[in-house]
Amino acid sequence: MAPVAVSPREAAASRRLGNLLSSDLPELAVQWLMDGHDTPSLRELAGESPRNVRDIDREWTAVRRELRLPVLTDQQAVEIAVLALLDRRHRDALSVETVLSRIHTWATRGTVPGLDVLYQMEDELEISSGTARDIVVAEINRTLDMIGRSLRNSASHSPLTGESAGTS
């Protein structure tokens, strides 16, 4: 299965959180080259066999250095991953259950603002049906939007989580 299209910054976050396999990196490297990123190590990574994990990991380290991707803390990785997920949820028509499941998995590694409210709404979602369920889903979507705004505001003050620091 092909990896979901992600930026190098999102890949760094996913690697930190253990959500991206080494074997997925060569295919992503091809995508990044087509997106305009071009470094010697990225070209090398794009040509690696997915079975050659040791060389892939070595090239990934070099790619991160050449693209000036910082070493992320768990918290930074969670913020980047959650923002990327929230950006993709409408485009990829992800269910609220899928989004909540992924956020809960990452929340063990960092703080997600509003997560306590989501836990309460998730409990309501499990016991709701019909119109009541639609109302809970709408409230979850509003809360997810609020979380996205909160994370974007905090990211705008941190060069490590924003695109502007050469980490696109």
Protein backbone atom coordinates (compact mmCIF):
# COMPACT_ATOMS: atom_id res chain seq x y z
CA MET A 1 0.00 0.00 0.00
CA ALA A 2 1.35 3.42 -0.96
CA PRO A 3 2.03 5.83 1.89
CA VAL A 4 -0.25 8.83 2.29
CA ALA A 5 1.24 11.91 0.64
CA VAL A 6 3.00 13.86 3.37
CA SER A 7 5.56 16.63 3.49
CA PRO A 8 9.08 15.90 4.70
CA ARG A 9 8.20 17.71 7.96
CA GLU A 10 5.15 15.49 8.45
CA ALA A 11 7.27 12.44 7.68
CA ALA A 12 9.75 13.48 10.37
CA ALA A 13 6.87 13.73 12.84
CA SER A 14 5.44 10.38 11.76
CA ARG A 15 8.85 8.73 12.12
CA ARG A 16 9.21 10.18 15.62
CA LEU A 17 5.80 8.77 16.55
CA GLY A 18 6.54 5.38 14.97
CA ASN A 19 3.84 5.76 12.31
CA LEU A 20 6.00 5.67 9.18
CA LEU A 21 8.03 2.68 8.10
CA SER A 22 11.49 2.97 6.61
CA SER A 23 10.22 1.02 3.61
CA ASP A 24 7.75 3.86 2.84
CA LEU A 25 10.45 6.53 2.60
CA PRO A 26 11.75 5.80 -0.94
CA GLU A 27 8.27 6.26 -2.42
CA LEU A 28 7.79 9.46 -0.43
CA ALA A 29 11.21 10.68 -1.58
CA VAL A 30 10.06 10.33 -5.20
CA GLN A 31 6.98 12.41 -4.33
CA TRP A 32 9.13 15.07 -2.65
CA LEU A 33 11.41 15.27 -5.69
CA MET A 34 8.35 15.79 -7.89
CA ASP A 35 7.16 18.47 -5.43
CA GLY A 36 10.39 20.42 -5.98
CA HIS A 37 12.55 19.32 -3.08
CA ASP A 38 15.92 18.26 -4.46
CA THR A 39 19.01 17.24 -2.56
CA PRO A 40 21.64 14.61 -3.31
CA SER A 41 20.51 12.41 -0.41
CA LEU A 42 16.87 12.74 -1.40
CA ARG A 43 17.74 11.44 -4.87
CA GLU A 44 19.63 8.56 -3.26
CA LEU A 45 16.70 7.79 -0.97
CA ALA A 46 14.28 7.79 -3.91
CA GLY A 47 16.38 5.10 -5.57
CA GLU A 48 16.60 2.79 -2.56
CA SER A 49 14.86 -0.57 -2.48
CA PRO A 50 12.14 -0.67 0.20
CA ARG A 51 13.83 -3.84 1.52
CA ASN A 52 17.13 -2.08 2.20
CA VAL A 53 16.15 -0.61 5.59
CA ARG A 54 19.68 0.13 6.84
CA ASP A 55 20.54 2.23 3.77
CA ILE A 56 17.13 3.91 3.84
CA ASP A 57 17.61 4.95 7.46
CA ARG A 58 21.10 6.29 6.68
CA GLU A 59 19.78 8.27 3.70
CA TRP A 60 16.81 9.55 5.73
CA THR A 61 19.22 10.99 8.30
CA ALA A 62 21.10 12.76 5.51
CA VAL A 63 17.85 14.01 3.92
CA ARG A 64 16.71 15.47 7.25
CA ARG A 65 20.03 17.27 7.56
CA GLU A 66 19.95 18.59 3.97
CA LEU A 67 16.34 19.77 4.27
CA ARG A 68 17.15 21.28 7.67
CA LEU A 69 14.45 19.26 9.41
CA PRO A 70 14.96 19.63 13.16
CA VAL A 71 15.02 16.73 15.55
CA LEU A 72 11.52 16.86 16.97
CA THR A 73 10.38 16.32 20.51
CA ASP A 74 7.40 14.02 21.02
CA GLN A 75 5.24 17.10 21.67
CA GLN A 76 6.29 18.77 18.41
CA ALA A 77 5.71 15.54 16.50
CA VAL A 78 2.21 15.19 17.99
CA GLU A 79 1.34 18.78 17.07
CA ILE A 80 2.54 18.32 13.48
CA ALA A 81 0.77 14.96 13.13
CA VAL A 82 -2.51 16.25 14.54
CA LEU A 83 -2.45 19.33 12.30
CA ALA A 84 -1.73 17.20 9.23
CA LEU A 85 -4.56 14.84 10.16
CA LEU A 86 -6.98 17.71 10.69
CA ASP A 87 -5.98 19.19 7.32
CA ARG A 88 -6.63 15.83 5.62
CA ARG A 89 -9.85 14.88 7.39
CA HIS A 90 -12.17 16.69 4.97
CA ARG A 91 -10.17 16.05 1.82
CA ASP A 92 -9.90 12.32 2.52
CA ALA A 93 -13.39 12.09 4.07
CA LEU A 94 -12.04 10.56 7.27
CA SER A 95 -14.68 9.56 9.79
CA VAL A 96 -14.65 11.26 13.18
CA GLU A 97 -13.97 7.83 14.69
CA THR A 98 -10.79 7.49 12.58
CA VAL A 99 -9.62 10.99 13.48
CA LEU A 100 -10.32 10.48 17.19
CA SER A 101 -8.59 7.10 17.21
CA ARG A 102 -5.42 8.54 15.69
CA ILE A 103 -5.39 11.56 17.99
CA HIS A 104 -5.85 9.33 21.04
CA THR A 105 -2.91 7.18 19.94
CA TRP A 106 -0.65 10.23 19.63
CA ALA A 107 -1.94 11.85 22.82
CA THR A 108 0.08 9.39 24.87
CA ARG A 109 3.18 11.13 23.48
CA GLY A 110 2.19 14.78 23.89
CA THR A 111 -0.50 17.21 24.92
CA VAL A 112 -3.41 17.87 22.59
CA PRO A 113 -5.51 20.89 23.63
CA GLY A 114 -9.17 20.04 24.02
CA LEU A 115 -8.57 16.31 24.23
CA ASP A 116 -10.51 15.97 27.47
CA VAL A 117 -13.58 17.42 25.74
CA LEU A 118 -13.12 15.01 22.83
CA TYR A 119 -13.01 12.04 25.23
CA GLN A 120 -16.38 13.10 26.67
CA MET A 121 -17.90 13.57 23.22
CA GLU A 122 -16.51 10.25 22.04
CA ASP A 123 -18.38 8.55 24.88
CA GLU A 124 -21.56 10.33 23.76
CA LEU A 125 -20.90 9.28 20.15
CA GLU A 126 -20.76 5.62 21.13
CA ILE A 127 -24.24 5.68 22.69
CA SER A 128 -25.92 8.05 20.21
CA SER A 129 -27.89 7.26 17.09
CA GLY A 130 -29.81 9.15 14.44
CA THR A 131 -30.15 12.90 14.87
CA ALA A 132 -28.50 12.81 18.31
CA ARG A 133 -25.43 11.20 16.73
CA ASP A 134 -25.37 13.84 13.98
CA ILE A 135 -25.38 16.56 16.64
CA VAL A 136 -22.48 14.90 18.51
CA VAL A 137 -20.51 14.52 15.24
CA ALA A 138 -21.08 18.21 14.47
CA GLU A 139 -19.85 19.16 17.96
CA ILE A 140 -16.79 16.93 17.56
CA ASN A 141 -16.04 18.60 14.22
CA ARG A 142 -16.32 22.06 15.83
CA THR A 143 -13.98 20.92 18.61
CA LEU A 144 -11.51 19.51 16.07
CA ASP A 145 -11.58 22.87 14.26
CA MET A 146 -10.87 24.62 17.57
CA ILE A 147 -7.97 22.27 18.26
CA GLY A 148 -6.60 22.97 14.79
CA ARG A 149 -6.79 26.73 15.34
CA SER A 150 -5.12 26.39 18.73
CA LEU A 151 -2.28 24.28 17.34
CA ARG A 152 -1.82 26.59 14.34
CA ASN A 153 -1.60 29.60 16.66
CA SER A 154 1.03 27.90 18.82
CA ALA A 155 2.86 26.63 15.70
CA SER A 156 3.03 30.16 14.28
CA HIS A 157 5.21 31.07 17.26
CA SER A 158 7.51 28.06 16.90
CA PRO A 159 9.88 27.75 13.94
CA LEU A 160 10.17 24.02 14.62
CA THR A 161 6.56 23.27 13.75
CA GLY A 162 5.99 25.81 10.99
CA GLU A 163 6.78 25.50 7.30
CA SER A 164 8.70 28.76 7.23
CA ALA A 165 11.83 27.43 8.90
CA GLY A 166 13.02 25.52 5.84
CA THR A 167 11.13 22.44 6.95
CA SER A 168 8.58 22.13 4.21
